[in-house]
């Protein structure tokens, strides 16, 4: 009997602990400071959703404000647990099933340079200025040339100076860029049109800890949705409510 118990203990000692057995009390999220999403004072859509989700498990959160690519890297290296948020994950990262934000994105352009808007075909073969790592060619329904810029203001300036065809961004970011640039221009000479729709999901590592946290996120956010506890956060920040039941 003793020999049998000894054998069982030895086998158990060499088995990996399951992710569910891991005692997670604190996590680190990473990503840029986006107005109304991840404000530096800890407010914003993403911050408040993440807290609402992980408060259910007694897990506290610290956010590292870093560029998108650096946020992905921190999660890959295991130095952060979650990147908030992106529209696509590159291995070894994986997206959470449910989005935190779903919205149209727009293009800002000169009417004189581009001519009348004829739908997304107007973009075909054109150059599109985007904030670094925010958009990729796969986001557009027709072939385009992506020109990465360090900020939305720089993208805006490229269009105003006639150095690129379009500036692509979320409408709130385009408005922020116009406001922060301080530039005066004839708004009637420019147009803004819908270029596509994206859903933005938190990214996790595929380590045991990452898989565990991804499951907690998916179960937690859907539970909040079913309980009717999420809509108030979206309403507060003026963002549309995702159709969680269809993801």
Protein backbone atom coordinates (compact mmCIF):
# COMPACT_ATOMS: atom_id res chain seq x y z
CA UNK A 1 0.00 0.00 0.00
CA UNK A 2 2.79 2.45 0.92
CA UNK A 3 4.64 1.54 -2.24
CA UNK A 4 1.52 2.24 -4.32
CA UNK A 5 1.01 5.66 -2.67
CA UNK A 6 4.66 6.51 -3.21
CA UNK A 7 4.31 5.65 -6.91
CA UNK A 8 1.20 7.89 -7.22
CA UNK A 9 2.97 10.83 -5.54
CA UNK A 10 5.98 10.47 -7.84
CA UNK A 11 3.75 10.46 -10.95
CA UNK A 12 1.82 13.51 -9.74
CA UNK A 13 5.03 15.37 -9.02
CA UNK A 14 6.02 15.16 -12.68
CA UNK A 15 2.63 16.09 -14.12
CA UNK A 16 2.23 19.75 -15.20
CA UNK A 17 -0.24 21.77 -13.18
CA UNK A 18 -3.39 22.55 -15.11
CA UNK A 19 -4.06 26.19 -15.97
CA UNK A 20 -7.27 26.02 -13.95
CA UNK A 21 -5.26 25.19 -10.84
CA UNK A 22 -3.16 28.32 -11.22
CA UNK A 23 -3.90 30.93 -8.59
CA UNK A 24 -4.12 34.16 -10.58
CA UNK A 25 -4.58 37.27 -8.47
CA UNK A 26 -3.07 39.98 -10.68
CA UNK A 27 -2.60 40.44 -14.42
CA UNK A 28 -0.84 42.94 -16.67
CA UNK A 29 -2.52 44.35 -19.77
CA UNK A 30 -0.64 46.30 -22.44
CA UNK A 31 -1.44 48.66 -25.28
CA UNK A 32 -1.47 52.29 -26.39
CA UNK A 33 -3.24 55.17 -24.69
CA UNK A 34 -6.37 55.62 -26.80
CA UNK A 35 -8.79 58.40 -25.90
CA UNK A 36 -12.13 57.00 -24.58
CA UNK A 37 -10.67 53.47 -24.66
CA UNK A 38 -7.53 53.41 -22.49
CA UNK A 39 -7.19 56.84 -20.91
CA UNK A 40 -4.14 57.33 -18.72
CA UNK A 41 -6.29 57.99 -15.66
CA UNK A 42 -7.55 54.39 -15.83
CA UNK A 43 -10.91 55.27 -17.36
CA UNK A 44 -12.13 54.31 -20.83
CA UNK A 45 -14.04 51.51 -22.52
CA UNK A 46 -11.30 48.85 -22.53
CA UNK A 47 -10.10 49.61 -19.00
CA UNK A 48 -13.60 49.46 -17.55
CA UNK A 49 -14.62 46.29 -19.38
CA UNK A 50 -11.44 44.49 -18.29
CA UNK A 51 -12.00 45.49 -14.68
CA UNK A 52 -15.65 44.41 -14.81
CA UNK A 53 -14.65 41.03 -16.26
CA UNK A 54 -11.77 40.20 -13.93
CA UNK A 55 -13.35 41.69 -10.80
CA UNK A 56 -15.62 38.65 -10.97
CA UNK A 57 -12.61 36.48 -10.20
CA UNK A 58 -10.96 38.78 -7.66
CA UNK A 59 -8.16 39.59 -10.13
CA UNK A 60 -6.59 43.06 -10.18
CA UNK A 61 -5.10 44.68 -13.29
CA UNK A 62 -2.13 46.89 -14.10
CA UNK A 63 -1.90 48.45 -17.57
CA UNK A 64 1.36 49.21 -19.38
CA UNK A 65 1.01 52.02 -21.93
CA UNK A 66 3.06 50.94 -24.93
CA UNK A 67 2.71 50.99 -28.75
CA UNK A 68 0.67 48.18 -30.31
CA UNK A 69 3.67 46.18 -31.57
CA UNK A 70 5.37 46.44 -28.18
CA UNK A 71 2.17 45.30 -26.48
CA UNK A 72 2.10 42.21 -28.69
CA UNK A 73 5.75 41.56 -27.91
CA UNK A 74 5.22 41.81 -24.14
CA UNK A 75 2.45 39.22 -24.32
CA UNK A 76 4.60 36.93 -26.51
CA UNK A 77 7.45 37.19 -23.97
CA UNK A 78 5.14 36.54 -21.03
CA UNK A 79 5.84 39.99 -19.58
CA UNK A 80 2.18 40.98 -20.02
CA UNK A 81 -0.94 38.83 -20.02
CA UNK A 82 -3.26 40.65 -22.40
CA UNK A 83 -2.88 43.07 -25.31
CA UNK A 84 -5.92 45.39 -25.54
CA UNK A 85 -6.98 45.29 -28.34
CA UNK A 86 -6.42 44.32 -31.99
CA UNK A 87 -8.38 43.00 -34.95
CA UNK A 88 -6.10 40.03 -35.66
CA UNK A 89 -3.64 37.90 -33.72
CA UNK A 90 -0.34 36.55 -35.04
CA UNK A 91 0.96 33.27 -33.55
CA UNK A 92 1.75 32.55 -30.78
CA UNK A 93 -0.92 35.06 -29.75
CA UNK A 94 -4.62 34.26 -30.03
CA UNK A 95 -7.71 36.49 -29.93
CA UNK A 96 -10.39 36.18 -27.29
CA UNK A 97 -13.65 34.99 -28.83
CA UNK A 98 -15.69 38.06 -27.87
CA UNK A 99 -14.75 41.58 -29.00
CA UNK A 100 -14.49 44.61 -26.78
CA UNK A 101 -15.29 46.96 -29.65
CA UNK A 102 -16.90 46.66 -33.08
CA UNK A 103 -17.03 49.68 -35.33
CA UNK A 104 -16.79 51.05 -38.83
CA UNK A 105 -13.50 52.67 -39.82
CA UNK A 106 -13.27 55.61 -42.17
CA UNK A 107 -11.06 57.28 -44.75
CA UNK A 108 -10.43 61.03 -44.85
CA UNK A 109 -9.50 62.46 -48.24
CA UNK A 110 -9.34 65.49 -50.52
CA UNK A 111 -12.31 65.73 -52.89
CA UNK A 112 -10.14 67.47 -55.49
CA UNK A 113 -7.47 64.75 -55.42
CA UNK A 114 -9.77 61.71 -55.29
CA UNK A 115 -12.96 62.94 -56.92
CA UNK A 116 -16.45 61.73 -55.93
CA UNK A 117 -16.67 58.74 -53.57
CA UNK A 118 -17.90 55.64 -55.46
CA UNK A 119 -17.77 53.14 -52.63
CA UNK A 120 -14.75 51.11 -51.56
CA UNK A 121 -13.67 50.71 -55.20
CA UNK A 122 -12.46 54.31 -54.86
CA UNK A 123 -9.65 52.93 -52.69
CA UNK A 124 -8.34 50.43 -55.23
CA UNK A 125 -4.63 50.86 -55.85
CA UNK A 126 -4.45 54.01 -53.75
CA UNK A 127 -2.08 54.86 -50.88
CA UNK A 128 -3.60 54.91 -47.39
CA UNK A 129 -1.82 56.56 -44.47
CA UNK A 130 -2.40 54.73 -41.18
CA UNK A 131 -1.09 54.97 -37.65
CA UNK A 132 1.78 52.50 -37.28
CA UNK A 133 0.49 48.89 -36.93
CA UNK A 134 -3.16 50.01 -36.73
CA UNK A 135 -4.21 48.82 -40.21
CA UNK A 136 -2.99 46.27 -42.73
CA UNK A 137 -3.78 45.46 -46.35
CA UNK A 138 -6.11 42.65 -45.23
CA UNK A 139 -8.41 45.18 -43.55
CA UNK A 140 -9.45 46.63 -46.91
CA UNK A 141 -11.82 44.94 -49.38
CA UNK A 142 -9.69 46.06 -52.35
CA UNK A 143 -5.89 46.23 -52.82
CA UNK A 144 -4.30 49.34 -51.30
CA UNK A 145 -0.80 50.51 -50.37
CA UNK A 146 -0.34 51.08 -46.65
CA UNK A 147 1.86 53.95 -45.51
CA UNK A 148 2.59 53.68 -41.79
CA UNK A 149 2.89 56.94 -39.88
CA UNK A 150 3.83 57.62 -36.23
CA UNK A 151 0.51 59.29 -35.33
CA UNK A 152 -2.95 60.19 -36.55
CA UNK A 153 -1.92 63.83 -36.77
CA UNK A 154 0.88 62.88 -39.19
CA UNK A 155 -1.61 60.90 -41.29
CA UNK A 156 -3.90 63.91 -41.40
CA UNK A 157 -1.05 66.21 -42.39
CA UNK A 158 -0.07 63.88 -45.24
CA UNK A 159 -3.55 64.24 -46.74
CA UNK A 160 -3.72 68.00 -46.17
CA UNK A 161 -0.30 68.45 -47.80
CA UNK A 162 -1.30 66.31 -50.77
CA UNK A 163 1.33 63.67 -50.06
CA UNK A 164 -1.00 60.68 -49.80
CA UNK A 165 -4.47 59.68 -50.98
CA UNK A 166 -6.31 58.70 -47.79
CA UNK A 167 -6.02 58.71 -44.01
CA UNK A 168 -7.74 55.65 -42.48
CA UNK A 169 -8.82 55.52 -38.85
CA UNK A 170 -11.71 55.20 -36.44
CA UNK A 171 -13.94 58.30 -36.69
CA UNK A 172 -13.20 59.31 -33.11
CA UNK A 173 -9.45 59.13 -33.84
CA UNK A 174 -9.83 61.20 -37.01
CA UNK A 175 -11.68 63.86 -35.01
CA UNK A 176 -9.00 63.71 -32.32
CA UNK A 177 -6.27 64.15 -34.97
CA UNK A 178 -8.05 67.18 -36.43
CA UNK A 179 -8.42 68.72 -32.98
CA UNK A 180 -4.86 67.98 -31.84
CA UNK A 181 -3.27 69.15 -35.10
CA UNK A 182 -4.53 72.70 -34.63
CA UNK A 183 -4.50 73.03 -38.42
CA UNK A 184 -7.02 75.20 -40.25
CA UNK A 185 -8.38 73.89 -43.53
CA UNK A 186 -11.52 74.15 -45.64
CA UNK A 187 -13.59 71.24 -44.35
CA UNK A 188 -15.87 71.43 -47.40
CA UNK A 189 -12.88 70.49 -49.57
CA UNK A 190 -12.51 67.15 -47.79
CA UNK A 191 -14.72 64.13 -47.21
CA UNK A 192 -14.90 61.18 -44.81
CA UNK A 193 -16.44 57.85 -45.85
CA UNK A 194 -16.84 54.36 -44.36
CA UNK A 195 -14.09 52.04 -45.62
CA UNK A 196 -14.89 48.88 -43.64
CA UNK A 197 -15.83 47.30 -40.31
CA UNK A 198 -13.56 45.63 -37.76
CA UNK A 199 -13.95 43.92 -34.42
CA UNK A 200 -11.26 44.41 -31.79
CA UNK A 201 -10.39 41.59 -29.40
CA UNK A 202 -7.96 41.16 -26.51
CA UNK A 203 -4.92 39.05 -27.40
CA UNK A 204 -3.56 36.26 -25.19
CA UNK A 205 -0.52 33.99 -25.20
CA UNK A 206 -1.11 30.28 -25.81
CA UNK A 207 0.77 29.35 -22.64
CA UNK A 208 -1.21 27.52 -19.91
CA UNK A 209 -1.64 30.83 -18.07
CA UNK A 210 -2.71 32.59 -21.27
CA UNK A 211 -5.26 29.89 -22.11
CA UNK A 212 -6.63 30.08 -18.57
CA UNK A 213 -7.00 33.87 -18.72
CA UNK A 214 -8.57 33.69 -22.15
CA UNK A 215 -11.21 31.29 -20.82
CA UNK A 216 -11.87 33.56 -17.84
CA UNK A 217 -12.25 36.55 -20.17
CA UNK A 218 -14.64 34.76 -22.54
CA UNK A 219 -16.81 33.36 -19.76
CA UNK A 220 -16.68 36.61 -17.78
CA UNK A 221 -17.60 39.05 -20.54
CA UNK A 222 -20.42 36.84 -21.82
CA UNK A 223 -21.81 36.51 -18.29
CA UNK A 224 -21.83 40.31 -17.96
CA UNK A 225 -23.57 40.59 -21.32
CA UNK A 226 -26.26 38.10 -20.35
CA UNK A 227 -26.78 39.88 -17.04
CA UNK A 228 -27.23 43.22 -18.82
CA UNK A 229 -24.23 44.76 -17.08
CA UNK A 230 -22.16 45.81 -20.11
CA UNK A 231 -24.34 48.21 -22.06
CA UNK A 232 -23.98 51.01 -19.53
CA UNK A 233 -20.20 51.07 -20.08
CA UNK A 234 -20.61 51.38 -23.86
CA UNK A 235 -23.27 54.07 -23.45
CA UNK A 236 -21.03 56.00 -21.04
CA UNK A 237 -18.22 56.20 -23.61
CA UNK A 238 -20.45 56.71 -26.64
CA UNK A 239 -19.53 53.48 -28.42
CA UNK A 240 -21.79 50.98 -30.16
CA UNK A 241 -22.68 47.75 -28.37
CA UNK A 242 -21.32 44.57 -30.03
CA UNK A 243 -23.68 41.72 -30.94
CA UNK A 244 -22.07 39.31 -28.49
CA UNK A 245 -24.60 36.55 -29.24
CA UNK A 246 -23.26 36.21 -32.79
CA UNK A 247 -19.56 35.76 -31.98
